[in-house]
Amino acid sequence: MEQARPRGEVYFEFQRIGAYVKVTAIDPDTLVEVSVTGAATATEAQLKQLALRRLRFVLSKRGGGRGPGGGGGRGTAV
């Protein structure tokens, strides 16, 4: 199975929460957003890589990253 890749840029948001950092990765083309947590001692590059891997996984599960209501996720398009 080929992994879906974000087509363009990916936005990252970092939030420090005590001894952890919450990283949110957003694909602006598909509006898919994922969050991961990691140790605050991890480097920014390590946390970005972790979030990007999760984003690619979610996009691959959604059938290549179709947008909201595109039939790639759960739920019903209205």
PDB file of N, CA and C in Angstrom:
ATOM      1  N   MET A   1       0.846  -1.180   0.000  1.00  0.00           N
ATOM      2  CA  MET A   1       0.000   0.000   0.000  1.00  0.00           C
ATOM      3  C   MET A   1       0.889   1.240   0.000  1.00  0.00           C
ATOM      4  N   GLU A   2       0.627   2.143  -0.892  1.00  0.00           N
ATOM      5  CA  GLU A   2       1.399   3.364  -0.986  1.00  0.00           C
ATOM      6  C   GLU A   2       0.899   4.362   0.049  1.00  0.00           C
ATOM      7  N   GLN A   3       1.844   4.990   0.749  1.00  0.00           N
ATOM      8  CA  GLN A   3       1.450   5.978   1.750  1.00  0.00           C
ATOM      9  C   GLN A   3       1.049   7.273   1.078  1.00  0.00           C
ATOM     10  N   ALA A   4      -0.080   7.835   1.529  1.00  0.00           N
ATOM     11  CA  ALA A   4      -0.497   9.135   1.013  1.00  0.00           C
ATOM     12  C   ALA A   4       0.435  10.196   1.581  1.00  0.00           C
ATOM     13  N   ARG A   5       0.755  11.151   0.771  1.00  0.00           N
ATOM     14  CA  ARG A   5       1.624  12.234   1.215  1.00  0.00           C
ATOM     15  C   ARG A   5       0.897  13.558   1.054  1.00  0.00           C
ATOM     16  N   PRO A   6       1.099  14.454   2.009  1.00  0.00           N
ATOM     17  CA  PRO A   6       0.536  15.792   1.826  1.00  0.00           C
ATOM     18  C   PRO A   6       1.085  16.381   0.532  1.00  0.00           C
ATOM     19  N   ARG A   7       0.228  17.013  -0.251  1.00  0.00           N
ATOM     20  CA  ARG A   7       0.624  17.504  -1.572  1.00  0.00           C
ATOM     21  C   ARG A   7       1.488  18.756  -1.521  1.00  0.00           C
ATOM     22  N   GLY A   8       1.315  19.565  -0.526  1.00  0.00           N
ATOM     23  CA  GLY A   8       2.066  20.812  -0.451  1.00  0.00           C
ATOM     24  C   GLY A   8       2.646  20.994   0.932  1.00  0.00           C
ATOM     25  N   GLU A   9       2.416  22.155   1.455  1.00  0.00           N
ATOM     26  CA  GLU A   9       2.971  22.439   2.769  1.00  0.00           C
ATOM     27  C   GLU A   9       2.107  21.840   3.877  1.00  0.00           C
ATOM     28  N   VAL A  10       2.716  21.686   5.032  1.00  0.00           N
ATOM     29  CA  VAL A  10       2.026  21.200   6.220  1.00  0.00           C
ATOM     30  C   VAL A  10       2.271  22.218   7.317  1.00  0.00           C
ATOM     31  N   TYR A  11       1.230  22.572   8.038  1.00  0.00           N
ATOM     32  CA  TYR A  11       1.352  23.515   9.149  1.00  0.00           C
ATOM     33  C   TYR A  11       1.536  22.739  10.442  1.00  0.00           C
ATOM     34  N   PHE A  12       2.438  23.225  11.304  1.00  0.00           N
ATOM     35  CA  PHE A  12       2.692  22.608  12.598  1.00  0.00           C
ATOM     36  C   PHE A  12       2.422  23.622  13.696  1.00  0.00           C
ATOM     37  N   GLU A  13       1.807  23.130  14.780  1.00  0.00           N
ATOM     38  CA  GLU A  13       1.565  23.962  15.954  1.00  0.00           C
ATOM     39  C   GLU A  13       2.119  23.205  17.157  1.00  0.00           C
ATOM     40  N   PHE A  14       2.884  23.896  17.995  1.00  0.00           N
ATOM     41  CA  PHE A  14       3.486  23.296  19.181  1.00  0.00           C
ATOM     42  C   PHE A  14       2.894  23.943  20.431  1.00  0.00           C
ATOM     43  N   GLN A  15       2.463  23.105  21.385  1.00  0.00           N
ATOM     44  CA  GLN A  15       1.940  23.593  22.661  1.00  0.00           C
ATOM     45  C   GLN A  15       2.635  22.841  23.781  1.00  0.00           C
ATOM     46  N   ARG A  16       3.349  23.568  24.616  1.00  0.00           N
ATOM     47  CA  ARG A  16       4.016  22.923  25.759  1.00  0.00           C
ATOM     48  C   ARG A  16       3.007  22.742  26.874  1.00  0.00           C
ATOM     49  N   ILE A  17       2.930  21.515  27.384  1.00  0.00           N
ATOM     50  CA  ILE A  17       2.004  21.187  28.467  1.00  0.00           C
ATOM     51  C   ILE A  17       2.821  20.422  29.509  1.00  0.00           C
ATOM     52  N   GLY A  18       3.392  21.135  30.454  1.00  0.00           N
ATOM     53  CA  GLY A  18       4.216  20.496  31.482  1.00  0.00           C
ATOM     54  C   GLY A  18       5.442  19.847  30.873  1.00  0.00           C
ATOM     55  N   ALA A  19       5.582  18.536  31.111  1.00  0.00           N
ATOM     56  CA  ALA A  19       6.744  17.799  30.621  1.00  0.00           C
ATOM     57  C   ALA A  19       6.549  17.288  29.199  1.00  0.00           C
ATOM     58  N   TYR A  20       5.445  17.667  28.569  1.00  0.00           N
ATOM     59  CA  TYR A  20       5.119  17.177  27.231  1.00  0.00           C
ATOM     60  C   TYR A  20       4.892  18.336  26.268  1.00  0.00           C
ATOM     61  N   VAL A  21       4.950  18.020  24.980  1.00  0.00           N
ATOM     62  CA  VAL A  21       4.620  18.974  23.926  1.00  0.00           C
ATOM     63  C   VAL A  21       3.560  18.329  23.046  1.00  0.00           C
ATOM     64  N   LYS A  22       2.488  19.056  22.819  1.00  0.00           N
ATOM     65  CA  LYS A  22       1.454  18.592  21.883  1.00  0.00           C
ATOM     66  C   LYS A  22       1.762  19.234  20.538  1.00  0.00           C
ATOM     67  N   VAL A  23       1.877  18.407  19.514  1.00  0.00           N
ATOM     68  CA  VAL A  23       2.162  18.893  18.165  1.00  0.00           C
ATOM     69  C   VAL A  23       0.962  18.576  17.283  1.00  0.00           C
ATOM     70  N   THR A  24       0.447  19.595  16.620  1.00  0.00           N
ATOM     71  CA  THR A  24      -0.656  19.431  15.684  1.00  0.00           C
ATOM     72  C   THR A  24      -0.114  19.674  14.289  1.00  0.00           C
ATOM     73  N   ALA A  25      -0.407  18.749  13.380  1.00  0.00           N
ATOM     74  CA  ALA A  25      -0.003  18.870  11.973  1.00  0.00           C
ATOM     75  C   ALA A  25      -1.274  18.994  11.143  1.00  0.00           C
ATOM     76  N   ILE A  26      -1.298  19.976  10.247  1.00  0.00           N
ATOM     77  CA  ILE A  26      -2.484  20.253   9.438  1.00  0.00           C
ATOM     78  C   ILE A  26      -2.095  20.278   7.965  1.00  0.00           C
ATOM     79  N   ASP A  27      -2.834  19.510   7.158  1.00  0.00           N
ATOM     80  CA  ASP A  27      -2.675  19.551   5.707  1.00  0.00           C
ATOM     81  C   ASP A  27      -3.717  20.530   5.184  1.00  0.00           C
ATOM     82  N   PRO A  28      -3.314  21.718   4.728  1.00  0.00           N
ATOM     83  CA  PRO A  28      -4.287  22.728   4.314  1.00  0.00           C
ATOM     84  C   PRO A  28      -5.069  22.367   3.051  1.00  0.00           C
ATOM     85  N   ASP A  29      -4.553  21.431   2.243  1.00  0.00           N
ATOM     86  CA  ASP A  29      -5.260  21.035   1.025  1.00  0.00           C
ATOM     87  C   ASP A  29      -6.487  20.189   1.332  1.00  0.00           C
ATOM     88  N   THR A  30      -6.373  19.329   2.347  1.00  0.00           N
ATOM     89  CA  THR A  30      -7.468  18.405   2.668  1.00  0.00           C
ATOM     90  C   THR A  30      -8.172  18.763   3.966  1.00  0.00           C
ATOM     91  N   LEU A  31      -7.600  19.702   4.731  1.00  0.00           N
ATOM     92  CA  LEU A  31      -8.114  20.102   6.039  1.00  0.00           C
ATOM     93  C   LEU A  31      -8.062  18.966   7.054  1.00  0.00           C
ATOM     94  N   VAL A  32      -7.182  17.995   6.836  1.00  0.00           N
ATOM     95  CA  VAL A  32      -6.983  16.917   7.790  1.00  0.00           C
ATOM     96  C   VAL A  32      -6.005  17.409   8.849  1.00  0.00           C
ATOM     97  N   GLU A  33      -6.356  17.160  10.106  1.00  0.00           N
ATOM     98  CA  GLU A  33      -5.555  17.611  11.240  1.00  0.00           C
ATOM     99  C   GLU A  33      -5.317  16.438  12.174  1.00  0.00           C
ATOM    100  N   VAL A  34      -4.078  16.283  12.638  1.00  0.00           N
ATOM    101  CA  VAL A  34      -3.746  15.237  13.605  1.00  0.00           C
ATOM    102  C   VAL A  34      -2.926  15.858  14.726  1.00  0.00           C
ATOM    103  N   SER A  35      -2.967  15.211  15.882  1.00  0.00           N
ATOM    104  CA  SER A  35      -2.173  15.661  17.025  1.00  0.00           C
ATOM    105  C   SER A  35      -1.419  14.490  17.615  1.00  0.00           C
ATOM    106  N   VAL A  36      -0.214  14.771  18.082  1.00  0.00           N
ATOM    107  CA  VAL A  36       0.608  13.792  18.786  1.00  0.00           C
ATOM    108  C   VAL A  36       1.209  14.495  20.001  1.00  0.00           C
ATOM    109  N   THR A  37       1.638  13.700  20.971  1.00  0.00           N
ATOM    110  CA  THR A  37       2.354  14.267  22.110  1.00  0.00           C
ATOM    111  C   THR A  37       3.720  13.619  22.201  1.00  0.00           C
ATOM    112  N   GLY A  38       4.660  14.392  22.673  1.00  0.00           N
ATOM    113  CA  GLY A  38       6.019  13.890  22.833  1.00  0.00           C
ATOM    114  C   GLY A  38       6.672  14.560  24.023  1.00  0.00           C
ATOM    115  N   ALA A  39       7.820  14.065  24.403  1.00  0.00           N
ATOM    116  CA  ALA A  39       8.562  14.627  25.530  1.00  0.00           C
ATOM    117  C   ALA A  39       9.043  16.034  25.188  1.00  0.00           C
ATOM    118  N   ALA A  40       9.015  16.901  26.169  1.00  0.00           N
ATOM    119  CA  ALA A  40       9.485  18.269  25.960  1.00  0.00           C
ATOM    120  C   ALA A  40      10.973  18.307  25.677  1.00  0.00           C
ATOM    121  N   THR A  41      11.691  17.223  25.987  1.00  0.00           N
ATOM    122  CA  THR A  41      13.131  17.168  25.727  1.00  0.00           C
ATOM    123  C   THR A  41      13.451  16.762  24.294  1.00  0.00           C
ATOM    124  N   ALA A  42      12.449  16.309  23.549  1.00  0.00           N
ATOM    125  CA  ALA A  42      12.666  15.934  22.149  1.00  0.00           C
ATOM    126  C   ALA A  42      12.923  17.194  21.322  1.00  0.00           C
ATOM    127  N   THR A  43      13.649  17.028  20.235  1.00  0.00           N
ATOM    128  CA  THR A  43      13.916  18.183  19.374  1.00  0.00           C
ATOM    129  C   THR A  43      12.688  18.506  18.533  1.00  0.00           C
ATOM    130  N   GLU A  44      12.644  19.715  18.019  1.00  0.00           N
ATOM    131  CA  GLU A  44      11.537  20.127  17.151  1.00  0.00           C
ATOM    132  C   GLU A  44      11.466  19.241  15.914  1.00  0.00           C
ATOM    133  N   ALA A  45      12.622  18.896  15.368  1.00  0.00           N
ATOM    134  CA  ALA A  45      12.648  18.046  14.172  1.00  0.00           C
ATOM    135  C   ALA A  45      12.063  16.668  14.463  1.00  0.00           C
ATOM    136  N   GLN A  46      12.375  16.099  15.625  1.00  0.00           N
ATOM    137  CA  GLN A  46      11.833  14.792  15.992  1.00  0.00           C
ATOM    138  C   GLN A  46      10.311  14.846  16.137  1.00  0.00           C
ATOM    139  N   LEU A  47       9.817  15.898  16.772  1.00  0.00           N
ATOM    140  CA  LEU A  47       8.383  16.031  16.973  1.00  0.00           C
ATOM    141  C   LEU A  47       7.661  16.274  15.650  1.00  0.00           C
ATOM    142  N   LYS A  48       8.264  17.063  14.760  1.00  0.00           N
ATOM    143  CA  LYS A  48       7.667  17.283  13.440  1.00  0.00           C
ATOM    144  C   LYS A  48       7.592  15.982  12.654  1.00  0.00           C
ATOM    145  N   GLN A  49       8.660  15.185  12.711  1.00  0.00           N
ATOM    146  CA  GLN A  49       8.689  13.917  11.993  1.00  0.00           C
ATOM    147  C   GLN A  49       7.595  12.983  12.509  1.00  0.00           C
ATOM    148  N   LEU A  50       7.412  12.927  13.825  1.00  0.00           N
ATOM    149  CA  LEU A  50       6.380  12.094  14.423  1.00  0.00           C
ATOM    150  C   LEU A  50       4.989  12.535  13.957  1.00  0.00           C
ATOM    151  N   ALA A  51       4.736  13.845  13.990  1.00  0.00           N
ATOM    152  CA  ALA A  51       3.432  14.368  13.570  1.00  0.00           C
ATOM    153  C   ALA A  51       3.198  14.149  12.076  1.00  0.00           C
ATOM    154  N   LEU A  52       4.238  14.308  11.274  1.00  0.00           N
ATOM    155  CA  LEU A  52       4.111  14.111   9.828  1.00  0.00           C
ATOM    156  C   LEU A  52       3.823  12.644   9.496  1.00  0.00           C
ATOM    157  N   ARG A  53       4.468  11.727  10.216  1.00  0.00           N
ATOM    158  CA  ARG A  53       4.181  10.299  10.005  1.00  0.00           C
ATOM    159  C   ARG A  53       2.731   9.981  10.340  1.00  0.00           C
ATOM    160  N   ARG A  54       2.223  10.561  11.417  1.00  0.00           N
ATOM    161  CA  ARG A  54       0.824  10.330  11.789  1.00  0.00           C
ATOM    162  C   ARG A  54      -0.105  10.923  10.734  1.00  0.00           C
ATOM    163  N   LEU A  55       0.213  12.108  10.224  1.00  0.00           N
ATOM    164  CA  LEU A  55      -0.612  12.738   9.193  1.00  0.00           C
ATOM    165  C   LEU A  55      -0.644  11.872   7.934  1.00  0.00           C
ATOM    166  N   ARG A  56       0.502  11.356   7.521  1.00  0.00           N
ATOM    167  CA  ARG A  56       0.548  10.481   6.338  1.00  0.00           C
ATOM    168  C   ARG A  56      -0.284   9.222   6.553  1.00  0.00           C
ATOM    169  N   PHE A  57      -0.217   8.661   7.755  1.00  0.00           N
ATOM    170  CA  PHE A  57      -0.998   7.469   8.072  1.00  0.00           C
ATOM    171  C   PHE A  57      -2.488   7.764   7.961  1.00  0.00           C
ATOM    172  N   VAL A  58      -2.928   8.861   8.540  1.00  0.00           N
ATOM    173  CA  VAL A  58      -4.344   9.217   8.503  1.00  0.00           C
ATOM    174  C   VAL A  58      -4.790   9.489   7.070  1.00  0.00           C
ATOM    175  N   LEU A  59      -3.975  10.180   6.298  1.00  0.00           N
ATOM    176  CA  LEU A  59      -4.329  10.441   4.901  1.00  0.00           C
ATOM    177  C   LEU A  59      -4.444   9.147   4.109  1.00  0.00           C
ATOM    178  N   SER A  60      -3.559   8.187   4.377  1.00  0.00           N
ATOM    179  CA  SER A  60      -3.632   6.919   3.659  1.00  0.00           C
ATOM    180  C   SER A  60      -4.899   6.153   4.043  1.00  0.00           C
ATOM    181  N   LYS A  61      -5.318   6.235   5.285  1.00  0.00           N
ATOM    182  CA  LYS A  61      -6.541   5.568   5.729  1.00  0.00           C
ATOM    183  C   LYS A  61      -7.790   6.227   5.145  1.00  0.00           C
ATOM    184  N   ARG A  62      -7.688   7.492   4.829  1.00  0.00           N
ATOM    185  CA  ARG A  62      -8.820   8.216   4.255  1.00  0.00           C
ATOM    186  C   ARG A  62      -8.893   8.075   2.752  1.00  0.00           C
ATOM    187  N   GLY A  63      -8.102   7.239   2.183  1.00  0.00           N
ATOM    188  CA  GLY A  63      -8.150   7.029   0.740  1.00  0.00           C
ATOM    189  C   GLY A  63      -7.429   8.098  -0.038  1.00  0.00           C
ATOM    190  N   GLY A  64      -6.270   8.494   0.437  1.00  0.00           N
ATOM    191  CA  GLY A  64      -5.471   9.462  -0.295  1.00  0.00           C
ATOM    192  C   GLY A  64      -5.728  10.887   0.104  1.00  0.00           C
ATOM    193  N   GLY A  65      -6.537  11.090   1.136  1.00  0.00           N
ATOM    194  CA  GLY A  65      -6.687  12.435   1.668  1.00  0.00           C
ATOM    195  C   GLY A  65      -7.782  13.255   1.054  1.00  0.00           C
ATOM    196  N   ARG A  66      -8.887  12.628   0.707  1.00  0.00           N
ATOM    197  CA  ARG A  66     -10.000  13.429   0.205  1.00  0.00           C
ATOM    198  C   ARG A  66     -10.495  14.354   1.308  1.00  0.00           C
ATOM    199  N   GLY A  67     -10.993  15.481   0.947  1.00  0.00           N
ATOM    200  CA  GLY A  67     -11.412  16.502   1.901  1.00  0.00           C
ATOM    201  C   GLY A  67     -12.645  16.137   2.683  1.00  0.00           C
ATOM    202  N   PRO A  68     -13.147  17.060   3.493  1.00  0.00           N
ATOM    203  CA  PRO A  68     -14.316  16.800   4.310  1.00  0.00           C
ATOM    204  C   PRO A  68     -15.499  16.378   3.459  1.00  0.00           C
ATOM    205  N   GLY A  69     -16.169  15.321   3.877  1.00  0.00           N
ATOM    206  CA  GLY A  69     -17.338  14.861   3.129  1.00  0.00           C
ATOM    207  C   GLY A  69     -16.987  14.159   1.838  1.00  0.00           C
ATOM    208  N   GLY A  70     -15.718  13.884   1.604  1.00  0.00           N
ATOM    209  CA  GLY A  70     -15.292  13.283   0.355  1.00  0.00           C
ATOM    210  C   GLY A  70     -15.384  11.776   0.338  1.00  0.00           C
ATOM    211  N   GLY A  71     -15.952  11.205   1.372  1.00  0.00           N
ATOM    212  CA  GLY A  71     -16.127   9.766   1.402  1.00  0.00           C
ATOM    213  C   GLY A  71     -14.933   9.012   1.933  1.00  0.00           C
ATOM    214  N   GLY A  72     -13.897   9.698   2.356  1.00  0.00           N
ATOM    215  CA  GLY A  72     -12.716   9.016   2.815  1.00  0.00           C
ATOM    216  C   GLY A  72     -12.721   8.669   4.282  1.00  0.00           C
ATOM    217  N   GLY A  73     -13.573   9.305   5.069  1.00  0.00           N
ATOM    218  CA  GLY A  73     -13.572   9.056   6.495  1.00  0.00           C
ATOM    219  C   GLY A  73     -14.868   8.440   6.966  1.00  0.00           C
ATOM    220  N   ARG A  74     -15.022   8.447   8.256  1.00  0.00           N
ATOM    221  CA  ARG A  74     -16.259   7.948   8.840  1.00  0.00           C
ATOM    222  C   ARG A  74     -17.301   9.038   8.799  1.00  0.00           C
ATOM    223  N   GLY A  75     -18.530   8.656   9.039  1.00  0.00           N
ATOM    224  CA  GLY A  75     -19.587   9.650   9.099  1.00  0.00           C
ATOM    225  C   GLY A  75     -20.337   9.760   7.797  1.00  0.00           C
ATOM    226  N   THR A  76     -21.252  10.683   7.783  1.00  0.00           N
ATOM    227  CA  THR A  76     -22.122  10.863   6.631  1.00  0.00           C
ATOM    228  C   THR A  76     -21.955  12.261   6.072  1.00  0.00           C
ATOM    229  N   ALA A  77     -21.763  12.351   4.766  1.00  0.00           N
ATOM    230  CA  ALA A  77     -21.689  13.661   4.124  1.00  0.00           C
ATOM    231  C   ALA A  77     -23.112  14.183   3.962  1.00  0.00           C
ATOM    232  N   VAL A  78     -23.305  15.433   4.362  1.00  0.00           N
ATOM    233  CA  VAL A  78     -24.649  16.026   4.289  1.00  0.00           C
ATOM    234  C   VAL A  78     -24.627  17.152   3.291  1.00  0.00           C
TER     235      VAL A  78
END
